[in-house]
Amino acid sequence: LEVDEFAPRLSFFFNCHNSFFEEIAKFRAARRIYARVMDEWY
């Protein structure tokens, strides 16, 4: 399968715990890592 055929339909599911700023930072870091790895590795 071509990555650009299936990757747009992948989704993710995260927990959101009590440490307010840690959780917000986690979500922002997730998007940044994913964008870079999908570009550079795949």
ModelCIF file with pLDDT and N, C-alpha, C, O atoms, coordinates in Angstrom:
data_MODEL
#
_entry.id   MODEL 
#
_entity.id                         1 
_entity.type                       polymer 
_entity.pdbx_number_of_molecules   1 
#
_entity_poly.entity_id                      1 
_entity_poly.type                           'polypeptide(L)' 
_entity_poly.nstd_linkage                   no 
_entity_poly.nstd_monomer                   no 
_entity_poly.pdbx_seq_one_letter_code       LEVDEFAPRLSFFFNCHNSFFEEIAKFRAARRIYARVMDEWY 
_entity_poly.pdbx_seq_one_letter_code_can   LEVDEFAPRLSFFFNCHNSFFEEIAKFRAARRIYARVMDEWY 
_entity_poly.pdbx_strand_id                 A 
#
loop_
_entity_poly_seq.entity_id 
_entity_poly_seq.num 
_entity_poly_seq.mon_id 
_entity_poly_seq.hetero 
1 1  LEU n 
1 2  GLU n 
1 3  VAL n 
1 4  ASP n 
1 5  GLU n 
1 6  PHE n 
1 7  ALA n 
1 8  PRO n 
1 9  ARG n 
1 10 LEU n 
1 11 SER n 
1 12 PHE n 
1 13 PHE n 
1 14 PHE n 
1 15 ASN n 
1 16 CYS n 
1 17 HIS n 
1 18 ASN n 
1 19 SER n 
1 20 PHE n 
1 21 PHE n 
1 22 GLU n 
1 23 GLU n 
1 24 ILE n 
1 25 ALA n 
1 26 LYS n 
1 27 PHE n 
1 28 ARG n 
1 29 ALA n 
1 30 ALA n 
1 31 ARG n 
1 32 ARG n 
1 33 ILE n 
1 34 TYR n 
1 35 ALA n 
1 36 ARG n 
1 37 VAL n 
1 38 MET n 
1 39 ASP n 
1 40 GLU n 
1 41 TRP n 
1 42 TYR n 
#
_struct_asym.id          A 
_struct_asym.entity_id   1 
#
loop_
_ma_qa_metric.id 
_ma_qa_metric.mode 
_ma_qa_metric.name 
_ma_qa_metric.software_group_id 
_ma_qa_metric.type 
1 global pLDDT . pLDDT 
2 local  pLDDT . pLDDT 
#
_ma_qa_metric_global.metric_id      1 
_ma_qa_metric_global.metric_value   97.67 
_ma_qa_metric_global.model_id       1 
_ma_qa_metric_global.ordinal_id     1 
#
loop_
_ma_qa_metric_local.label_asym_id 
_ma_qa_metric_local.label_comp_id 
_ma_qa_metric_local.label_seq_id 
_ma_qa_metric_local.metric_id 
_ma_qa_metric_local.metric_value 
_ma_qa_metric_local.model_id 
_ma_qa_metric_local.ordinal_id 
A LEU 1  2 98.00 1 1  
A GLU 2  2 98.00 1 2  
A VAL 3  2 98.00 1 3  
A ASP 4  2 98.00 1 4  
A GLU 5  2 97.00 1 5  
A PHE 6  2 97.00 1 6  
A ALA 7  2 98.00 1 7  
A PRO 8  2 97.00 1 8  
A ARG 9  2 96.00 1 9  
A LEU 10 2 97.00 1 10 
A SER 11 2 95.00 1 11 
A PHE 12 2 97.00 1 12 
A PHE 13 2 96.00 1 13 
A PHE 14 2 98.00 1 14 
A ASN 15 2 98.00 1 15 
A CYS 16 2 98.00 1 16 
A HIS 17 2 98.00 1 17 
A ASN 18 2 97.00 1 18 
A SER 19 2 97.00 1 19 
A PHE 20 2 98.00 1 20 
A PHE 21 2 98.00 1 21 
A GLU 22 2 98.00 1 22 
A GLU 23 2 98.00 1 23 
A ILE 24 2 98.00 1 24 
A ALA 25 2 98.00 1 25 
A LYS 26 2 98.00 1 26 
A PHE 27 2 98.00 1 27 
A ARG 28 2 98.00 1 28 
A ALA 29 2 98.00 1 29 
A ALA 30 2 98.00 1 30 
A ARG 31 2 98.00 1 31 
A ARG 32 2 98.00 1 32 
A ILE 33 2 98.00 1 33 
A TYR 34 2 98.00 1 34 
A ALA 35 2 98.00 1 35 
A ARG 36 2 98.00 1 36 
A VAL 37 2 98.00 1 37 
A MET 38 2 98.00 1 38 
A ASP 39 2 98.00 1 39 
A GLU 40 2 98.00 1 40 
A TRP 41 2 98.00 1 41 
A TYR 42 2 98.00 1 42 
#
loop_
_atom_site.group_PDB 
_atom_site.id 
_atom_site.type_symbol 
_atom_site.label_atom_id 
_atom_site.label_alt_id 
_atom_site.label_comp_id 
_atom_site.label_asym_id 
_atom_site.label_entity_id 
_atom_site.label_seq_id 
_atom_site.pdbx_PDB_ins_code 
_atom_site.Cartn_x 
_atom_site.Cartn_y 
_atom_site.Cartn_z 
_atom_site.occupancy 
_atom_site.B_iso_or_equiv 
_atom_site.pdbx_formal_charge 
_atom_site.auth_seq_id 
_atom_site.auth_comp_id 
_atom_site.auth_asym_id 
_atom_site.auth_atom_id 
_atom_site.pdbx_PDB_model_num 
ATOM 1   N N  . LEU A 1 1  ? 0.834  -1.197 0.000  1.00 98.00 ? 1  LEU A N  1 
ATOM 2   C CA . LEU A 1 1  ? 0.000  0.000  0.000  1.00 98.00 ? 1  LEU A CA 1 
ATOM 3   C C  . LEU A 1 1  ? 0.870  1.249  0.000  1.00 98.00 ? 1  LEU A C  1 
ATOM 4   O O  . LEU A 1 1  ? 1.913  1.289  0.653  1.00 98.00 ? 1  LEU A O  1 
ATOM 5   N N  . GLU A 1 2  ? 0.440  2.258  -0.728 1.00 98.00 ? 2  GLU A N  1 
ATOM 6   C CA . GLU A 1 2  ? 1.134  3.534  -0.744 1.00 98.00 ? 2  GLU A CA 1 
ATOM 7   C C  . GLU A 1 2  ? 0.769  4.303  0.519  1.00 98.00 ? 2  GLU A C  1 
ATOM 8   O O  . GLU A 1 2  ? -0.403 4.384  0.888  1.00 98.00 ? 2  GLU A O  1 
ATOM 9   N N  . VAL A 1 3  ? 1.786  4.874  1.186  1.00 98.00 ? 3  VAL A N  1 
ATOM 10  C CA . VAL A 1 3  ? 1.548  5.538  2.467  1.00 98.00 ? 3  VAL A CA 1 
ATOM 11  C C  . VAL A 1 3  ? 0.506  6.639  2.347  1.00 98.00 ? 3  VAL A C  1 
ATOM 12  O O  . VAL A 1 3  ? -0.298 6.830  3.259  1.00 98.00 ? 3  VAL A O  1 
ATOM 13  N N  . ASP A 1 4  ? 0.509  7.361  1.242  1.00 98.00 ? 4  ASP A N  1 
ATOM 14  C CA . ASP A 1 4  ? -0.439 8.462  1.101  1.00 98.00 ? 4  ASP A CA 1 
ATOM 15  C C  . ASP A 1 4  ? -1.848 7.989  0.745  1.00 98.00 ? 4  ASP A C  1 
ATOM 16  O O  . ASP A 1 4  ? -2.777 8.794  0.686  1.00 98.00 ? 4  ASP A O  1 
ATOM 17  N N  . GLU A 1 5  ? -2.008 6.680  0.507  1.00 97.00 ? 5  GLU A N  1 
ATOM 18  C CA . GLU A 1 5  ? -3.344 6.139  0.268  1.00 97.00 ? 5  GLU A CA 1 
ATOM 19  C C  . GLU A 1 5  ? -4.054 5.817  1.580  1.00 97.00 ? 5  GLU A C  1 
ATOM 20  O O  . GLU A 1 5  ? -5.253 6.063  1.716  1.00 97.00 ? 5  GLU A O  1 
ATOM 21  N N  . PHE A 1 6  ? -3.310 5.264  2.551  1.00 97.00 ? 6  PHE A N  1 
ATOM 22  C CA . PHE A 1 6  ? -3.969 4.809  3.774  1.00 97.00 ? 6  PHE A CA 1 
ATOM 23  C C  . PHE A 1 6  ? -3.713 5.683  4.992  1.00 97.00 ? 6  PHE A C  1 
ATOM 24  O O  . PHE A 1 6  ? -4.555 5.747  5.888  1.00 97.00 ? 6  PHE A O  1 
ATOM 25  N N  . ALA A 1 7  ? -2.572 6.355  5.043  1.00 98.00 ? 7  ALA A N  1 
ATOM 26  C CA . ALA A 1 7  ? -2.219 7.106  6.249  1.00 98.00 ? 7  ALA A CA 1 
ATOM 27  C C  . ALA A 1 7  ? -3.230 8.182  6.627  1.00 98.00 ? 7  ALA A C  1 
ATOM 28  O O  . ALA A 1 7  ? -3.422 8.413  7.820  1.00 98.00 ? 7  ALA A O  1 
ATOM 29  N N  . PRO A 1 8  ? -3.888 8.856  5.683  1.00 97.00 ? 8  PRO A N  1 
ATOM 30  C CA . PRO A 1 8  ? -4.863 9.875  6.089  1.00 97.00 ? 8  PRO A CA 1 
ATOM 31  C C  . PRO A 1 8  ? -6.016 9.333  6.930  1.00 97.00 ? 8  PRO A C  1 
ATOM 32  O O  . PRO A 1 8  ? -6.688 10.102 7.617  1.00 97.00 ? 8  PRO A O  1 
ATOM 33  N N  . ARG A 1 9  ? -6.256 8.020  6.886  1.00 96.00 ? 9  ARG A N  1 
ATOM 34  C CA . ARG A 1 9  ? -7.379 7.446  7.635  1.00 96.00 ? 9  ARG A CA 1 
ATOM 35  C C  . ARG A 1 9  ? -6.934 6.819  8.953  1.00 96.00 ? 9  ARG A C  1 
ATOM 36  O O  . ARG A 1 9  ? -7.759 6.248  9.666  1.00 96.00 ? 9  ARG A O  1 
ATOM 37  N N  . LEU A 1 10 ? -5.661 6.913  9.289  1.00 97.00 ? 10 LEU A N  1 
ATOM 38  C CA . LEU A 1 10 ? -5.222 6.440  10.601 1.00 97.00 ? 10 LEU A CA 1 
ATOM 39  C C  . LEU A 1 10 ? -5.630 7.460  11.658 1.00 97.00 ? 10 LEU A C  1 
ATOM 40  O O  . LEU A 1 10 ? -5.546 8.667  11.430 1.00 97.00 ? 10 LEU A O  1 
ATOM 41  N N  . SER A 1 11 ? -6.064 6.977  12.797 1.00 95.00 ? 11 SER A N  1 
ATOM 42  C CA . SER A 1 11 ? -6.407 7.886  13.897 1.00 95.00 ? 11 SER A CA 1 
ATOM 43  C C  . SER A 1 11 ? -5.776 7.359  15.178 1.00 95.00 ? 11 SER A C  1 
ATOM 44  O O  . SER A 1 11 ? -5.304 6.224  15.240 1.00 95.00 ? 11 SER A O  1 
ATOM 45  N N  . PHE A 1 12 ? -5.779 8.205  16.188 1.00 97.00 ? 12 PHE A N  1 
ATOM 46  C CA . PHE A 1 12 ? -5.131 7.869  17.451 1.00 97.00 ? 12 PHE A CA 1 
ATOM 47  C C  . PHE A 1 12 ? -6.092 8.151  18.609 1.00 97.00 ? 12 PHE A C  1 
ATOM 48  O O  . PHE A 1 12 ? -7.085 8.863  18.460 1.00 97.00 ? 12 PHE A O  1 
ATOM 49  N N  . PHE A 1 13 ? -5.766 7.574  19.758 1.00 96.00 ? 13 PHE A N  1 
ATOM 50  C CA . PHE A 1 13 ? -6.656 7.639  20.913 1.00 96.00 ? 13 PHE A CA 1 
ATOM 51  C C  . PHE A 1 13 ? -5.789 7.774  22.160 1.00 96.00 ? 13 PHE A C  1 
ATOM 52  O O  . PHE A 1 13 ? -5.041 6.862  22.512 1.00 96.00 ? 13 PHE A O  1 
ATOM 53  N N  . PHE A 1 14 ? -5.901 8.921  22.821 1.00 98.00 ? 14 PHE A N  1 
ATOM 54  C CA . PHE A 1 14 ? -5.054 9.186  23.983 1.00 98.00 ? 14 PHE A CA 1 
ATOM 55  C C  . PHE A 1 14 ? -5.861 9.346  25.262 1.00 98.00 ? 14 PHE A C  1 
ATOM 56  O O  . PHE A 1 14 ? -7.046 9.679  25.245 1.00 98.00 ? 14 PHE A O  1 
ATOM 57  N N  . ASN A 1 15 ? -5.186 9.103  26.350 1.00 98.00 ? 15 ASN A N  1 
ATOM 58  C CA . ASN A 1 15 ? -5.695 9.331  27.694 1.00 98.00 ? 15 ASN A CA 1 
ATOM 59  C C  . ASN A 1 15 ? -5.440 10.792 28.065 1.00 98.00 ? 15 ASN A C  1 
ATOM 60  O O  . ASN A 1 15 ? -4.481 11.393 27.582 1.00 98.00 ? 15 ASN A O  1 
ATOM 61  N N  . CYS A 1 16 ? -6.279 11.359 28.905 1.00 98.00 ? 16 CYS A N  1 
ATOM 62  C CA . CYS A 1 16 ? -5.990 12.686 29.439 1.00 98.00 ? 16 CYS A CA 1 
ATOM 63  C C  . CYS A 1 16 ? -6.109 12.632 30.955 1.00 98.00 ? 16 CYS A C  1 
ATOM 64  O O  . CYS A 1 16 ? -7.207 12.499 31.495 1.00 98.00 ? 16 CYS A O  1 
ATOM 65  N N  . HIS A 1 17 ? -4.973 12.736 31.637 1.00 98.00 ? 17 HIS A N  1 
ATOM 66  C CA . HIS A 1 17 ? -4.901 12.548 33.084 1.00 98.00 ? 17 HIS A CA 1 
ATOM 67  C C  . HIS A 1 17 ? -4.932 13.896 33.797 1.00 98.00 ? 17 HIS A C  1 
ATOM 68  O O  . HIS A 1 17 ? -5.300 14.910 33.204 1.00 98.00 ? 17 HIS A O  1 
ATOM 69  N N  . ASN A 1 18 ? -4.549 13.903 35.054 1.00 97.00 ? 18 ASN A N  1 
ATOM 70  C CA . ASN A 1 18 ? -4.749 15.078 35.909 1.00 97.00 ? 18 ASN A CA 1 
ATOM 71  C C  . ASN A 1 18 ? -3.708 16.185 35.742 1.00 97.00 ? 18 ASN A C  1 
ATOM 72  O O  . ASN A 1 18 ? -4.018 17.348 35.998 1.00 97.00 ? 18 ASN A O  1 
ATOM 73  N N  . SER A 1 19 ? -2.497 15.863 35.326 1.00 97.00 ? 19 SER A N  1 
ATOM 74  C CA . SER A 1 19 ? -1.460 16.893 35.227 1.00 97.00 ? 19 SER A CA 1 
ATOM 75  C C  . SER A 1 19 ? -1.741 17.765 34.002 1.00 97.00 ? 19 SER A C  1 
ATOM 76  O O  . SER A 1 19 ? -1.380 17.428 32.874 1.00 97.00 ? 19 SER A O  1 
ATOM 77  N N  . PHE A 1 20 ? -2.381 18.869 34.259 1.00 98.00 ? 20 PHE A N  1 
ATOM 78  C CA . PHE A 1 20 ? -2.987 19.714 33.229 1.00 98.00 ? 20 PHE A CA 1 
ATOM 79  C C  . PHE A 1 20 ? -1.990 20.099 32.134 1.00 98.00 ? 20 PHE A C  1 
ATOM 80  O O  . PHE A 1 20 ? -2.244 19.845 30.957 1.00 98.00 ? 20 PHE A O  1 
ATOM 81  N N  . PHE A 1 21 ? -0.891 20.691 32.495 1.00 98.00 ? 21 PHE A N  1 
ATOM 82  C CA . PHE A 1 21 ? 0.050  21.200 31.492 1.00 98.00 ? 21 PHE A CA 1 
ATOM 83  C C  . PHE A 1 21 ? 0.828  20.065 30.829 1.00 98.00 ? 21 PHE A C  1 
ATOM 84  O O  . PHE A 1 21 ? 1.176  20.162 29.652 1.00 98.00 ? 21 PHE A O  1 
ATOM 85  N N  . GLU A 1 22 ? 1.103  18.995 31.567 1.00 98.00 ? 22 GLU A N  1 
ATOM 86  C CA . GLU A 1 22 ? 1.773  17.844 30.978 1.00 98.00 ? 22 GLU A CA 1 
ATOM 87  C C  . GLU A 1 22 ? 0.930  17.243 29.858 1.00 98.00 ? 22 GLU A C  1 
ATOM 88  O O  . GLU A 1 22 ? 1.451  16.885 28.802 1.00 98.00 ? 22 GLU A O  1 
ATOM 89  N N  . GLU A 1 23 ? -0.368 17.135 30.098 1.00 98.00 ? 23 GLU A N  1 
ATOM 90  C CA . GLU A 1 23 ? -1.246 16.538 29.092 1.00 98.00 ? 23 GLU A CA 1 
ATOM 91  C C  . GLU A 1 23 ? -1.326 17.405 27.841 1.00 98.00 ? 23 GLU A C  1 
ATOM 92  O O  . GLU A 1 23 ? -1.262 16.891 26.724 1.00 98.00 ? 23 GLU A O  1 
ATOM 93  N N  . ILE A 1 24 ? -1.464 18.713 28.022 1.00 98.00 ? 24 ILE A N  1 
ATOM 94  C CA . ILE A 1 24 ? -1.519 19.619 26.874 1.00 98.00 ? 24 ILE A CA 1 
ATOM 95  C C  . ILE A 1 24 ? -0.224 19.521 26.073 1.00 98.00 ? 24 ILE A C  1 
ATOM 96  O O  . ILE A 1 24 ? -0.249 19.445 24.845 1.00 98.00 ? 24 ILE A O  1 
ATOM 97  N N  . ALA A 1 25 ? 0.899  19.523 26.771 1.00 98.00 ? 25 ALA A N  1 
ATOM 98  C CA . ALA A 1 25 ? 2.193  19.413 26.105 1.00 98.00 ? 25 ALA A CA 1 
ATOM 99  C C  . ALA A 1 25 ? 2.328  18.072 25.387 1.00 98.00 ? 25 ALA A C  1 
ATOM 100 O O  . ALA A 1 25 ? 2.905  18.009 24.302 1.00 98.00 ? 25 ALA A O  1 
ATOM 101 N N  . LYS A 1 26 ? 1.808  17.013 25.975 1.00 98.00 ? 26 LYS A N  1 
ATOM 102 C CA . LYS A 1 26 ? 1.863  15.680 25.353 1.00 98.00 ? 26 LYS A CA 1 
ATOM 103 C C  . LYS A 1 26 ? 1.161  15.680 24.002 1.00 98.00 ? 26 LYS A C  1 
ATOM 104 O O  . LYS A 1 26 ? 1.686  15.146 23.025 1.00 98.00 ? 26 LYS A O  1 
ATOM 105 N N  . PHE A 1 27 ? -0.017 16.275 23.947 1.00 98.00 ? 27 PHE A N  1 
ATOM 106 C CA . PHE A 1 27 ? -0.774 16.296 22.697 1.00 98.00 ? 27 PHE A CA 1 
ATOM 107 C C  . PHE A 1 27 ? -0.051 17.117 21.631 1.00 98.00 ? 27 PHE A C  1 
ATOM 108 O O  . PHE A 1 27 ? -0.038 16.742 20.459 1.00 98.00 ? 27 PHE A O  1 
ATOM 109 N N  . ARG A 1 28 ? 0.550  18.234 22.037 1.00 98.00 ? 28 ARG A N  1 
ATOM 110 C CA . ARG A 1 28 ? 1.238  19.093 21.078 1.00 98.00 ? 28 ARG A CA 1 
ATOM 111 C C  . ARG A 1 28 ? 2.500  18.382 20.571 1.00 98.00 ? 28 ARG A C  1 
ATOM 112 O O  . ARG A 1 28 ? 2.809  18.438 19.381 1.00 98.00 ? 28 ARG A O  1 
ATOM 113 N N  . ALA A 1 29 ? 3.219  17.720 21.468 1.00 98.00 ? 29 ALA A N  1 
ATOM 114 C CA . ALA A 1 29 ? 4.408  16.963 21.063 1.00 98.00 ? 29 ALA A CA 1 
ATOM 115 C C  . ALA A 1 29 ? 4.032  15.816 20.132 1.00 98.00 ? 29 ALA A C  1 
ATOM 116 O O  . ALA A 1 29 ? 4.771  15.506 19.197 1.00 98.00 ? 29 ALA A O  1 
ATOM 117 N N  . ALA A 1 30 ? 2.888  15.183 20.384 1.00 98.00 ? 30 ALA A N  1 
ATOM 118 C CA . ALA A 1 30 ? 2.446  14.058 19.550 1.00 98.00 ? 30 ALA A CA 1 
ATOM 119 C C  . ALA A 1 30 ? 2.305  14.486 18.092 1.00 98.00 ? 30 ALA A C  1 
ATOM 120 O O  . ALA A 1 30 ? 2.771  13.793 17.187 1.00 98.00 ? 30 ALA A O  1 
ATOM 121 N N  . ARG A 1 31 ? 1.666  15.624 17.871 1.00 98.00 ? 31 ARG A N  1 
ATOM 122 C CA . ARG A 1 31 ? 1.474  16.073 16.499 1.00 98.00 ? 31 ARG A CA 1 
ATOM 123 C C  . ARG A 1 31 ? 2.805  16.389 15.825 1.00 98.00 ? 31 ARG A C  1 
ATOM 124 O O  . ARG A 1 31 ? 2.997  16.089 14.647 1.00 98.00 ? 31 ARG A O  1 
ATOM 125 N N  . ARG A 1 32 ? 3.721  16.995 16.573 1.00 98.00 ? 32 ARG A N  1 
ATOM 126 C CA . ARG A 1 32 ? 5.001  17.388 15.988 1.00 98.00 ? 32 ARG A CA 1 
ATOM 127 C C  . ARG A 1 32 ? 5.842  16.160 15.629 1.00 98.00 ? 32 ARG A C  1 
ATOM 128 O O  . ARG A 1 32 ? 6.423  16.092 14.546 1.00 98.00 ? 32 ARG A O  1 
ATOM 129 N N  . ILE A 1 33 ? 5.902  15.190 16.550 1.00 98.00 ? 33 ILE A N  1 
ATOM 130 C CA . ILE A 1 33 ? 6.661  13.962 16.267 1.00 98.00 ? 33 ILE A CA 1 
ATOM 131 C C  . ILE A 1 33 ? 6.079  13.247 15.053 1.00 98.00 ? 33 ILE A C  1 
ATOM 132 O O  . ILE A 1 33 ? 6.815  12.836 14.156 1.00 98.00 ? 33 ILE A O  1 
ATOM 133 N N  . TYR A 1 34 ? 4.768  13.101 15.025 1.00 98.00 ? 34 TYR A N  1 
ATOM 134 C CA . TYR A 1 34 ? 4.114  12.343 13.956 1.00 98.00 ? 34 TYR A CA 1 
ATOM 135 C C  . TYR A 1 34 ? 4.384  12.978 12.602 1.00 98.00 ? 34 TYR A C  1 
ATOM 136 O O  . TYR A 1 34 ? 4.710  12.282 11.640 1.00 98.00 ? 34 TYR A O  1 
ATOM 137 N N  . ALA A 1 35 ? 4.250  14.301 12.525 1.00 98.00 ? 35 ALA A N  1 
ATOM 138 C CA . ALA A 1 35 ? 4.460  14.982 11.250 1.00 98.00 ? 35 ALA A CA 1 
ATOM 139 C C  . ALA A 1 35 ? 5.884  14.766 10.751 1.00 98.00 ? 35 ALA A C  1 
ATOM 140 O O  . ALA A 1 35 ? 6.101  14.489 9.571  1.00 98.00 ? 35 ALA A O  1 
ATOM 141 N N  . ARG A 1 36 ? 6.839  14.892 11.643 1.00 98.00 ? 36 ARG A N  1 
ATOM 142 C CA . ARG A 1 36 ? 8.240  14.783 11.231 1.00 98.00 ? 36 ARG A CA 1 
ATOM 143 C C  . ARG A 1 36 ? 8.615  13.365 10.843 1.00 98.00 ? 36 ARG A C  1 
ATOM 144 O O  . ARG A 1 36 ? 9.310  13.152 9.850  1.00 98.00 ? 36 ARG A O  1 
ATOM 145 N N  . VAL A 1 37 ? 8.153  12.384 11.631 1.00 98.00 ? 37 VAL A N  1 
ATOM 146 C CA . VAL A 1 37 ? 8.509  10.994 11.344 1.00 98.00 ? 37 VAL A CA 1 
ATOM 147 C C  . VAL A 1 37 ? 7.833  10.514 10.064 1.00 98.00 ? 37 VAL A C  1 
ATOM 148 O O  . VAL A 1 37 ? 8.466  9.850  9.243  1.00 98.00 ? 37 VAL A O  1 
ATOM 149 N N  . MET A 1 38 ? 6.565  10.841 9.887  1.00 98.00 ? 38 MET A N  1 
ATOM 150 C CA . MET A 1 38 ? 5.879  10.419 8.659  1.00 98.00 ? 38 MET A CA 1 
ATOM 151 C C  . MET A 1 38 ? 6.540  11.011 7.425  1.00 98.00 ? 38 MET A C  1 
ATOM 152 O O  . MET A 1 38 ? 6.570  10.380 6.368  1.00 98.00 ? 38 MET A O  1 
ATOM 153 N N  . ASP A 1 39 ? 7.064  12.206 7.555  1.00 98.00 ? 39 ASP A N  1 
ATOM 154 C CA . ASP A 1 39 ? 7.762  12.860 6.448  1.00 98.00 ? 39 ASP A CA 1 
ATOM 155 C C  . ASP A 1 39 ? 9.146  12.254 6.234  1.00 98.00 ? 39 ASP A C  1 
ATOM 156 O O  . ASP A 1 39 ? 9.492  11.848 5.125  1.00 98.00 ? 39 ASP A O  1 
ATOM 157 N N  . GLU A 1 40 ? 9.923  12.199 7.297  1.00 98.00 ? 40 GLU A N  1 
ATOM 158 C CA . GLU A 1 40 ? 11.339 11.849 7.162  1.00 98.00 ? 40 GLU A CA 1 
ATOM 159 C C  . GLU A 1 40 ? 11.597 10.338 7.075  1.00 98.00 ? 40 GLU A C  1 
ATOM 160 O O  . GLU A 1 40 ? 12.524 9.908  6.388  1.00 98.00 ? 40 GLU A O  1 
ATOM 161 N N  . TRP A 1 41 ? 10.788 9.536  7.764  1.00 98.00 ? 41 TRP A N  1 
ATOM 162 C CA . TRP A 1 41 ? 11.023 8.090  7.758  1.00 98.00 ? 41 TRP A CA 1 
ATOM 163 C C  . TRP A 1 41 ? 10.227 7.364  6.683  1.00 98.00 ? 41 TRP A C  1 
ATOM 164 O O  . TRP A 1 41 ? 10.702 6.383  6.112  1.00 98.00 ? 41 TRP A O  1 
ATOM 165 N N  . TYR A 1 42 ? 9.011  7.848  6.406  1.00 98.00 ? 42 TYR A N  1 
ATOM 166 C CA . TYR A 1 42 ? 8.115  7.088  5.522  1.00 98.00 ? 42 TYR A CA 1 
ATOM 167 C C  . TYR A 1 42 ? 7.760  7.832  4.242  1.00 98.00 ? 42 TYR A C  1 
ATOM 168 O O  . TYR A 1 42 ? 7.017  7.312  3.411  1.00 98.00 ? 42 TYR A O  1 
#
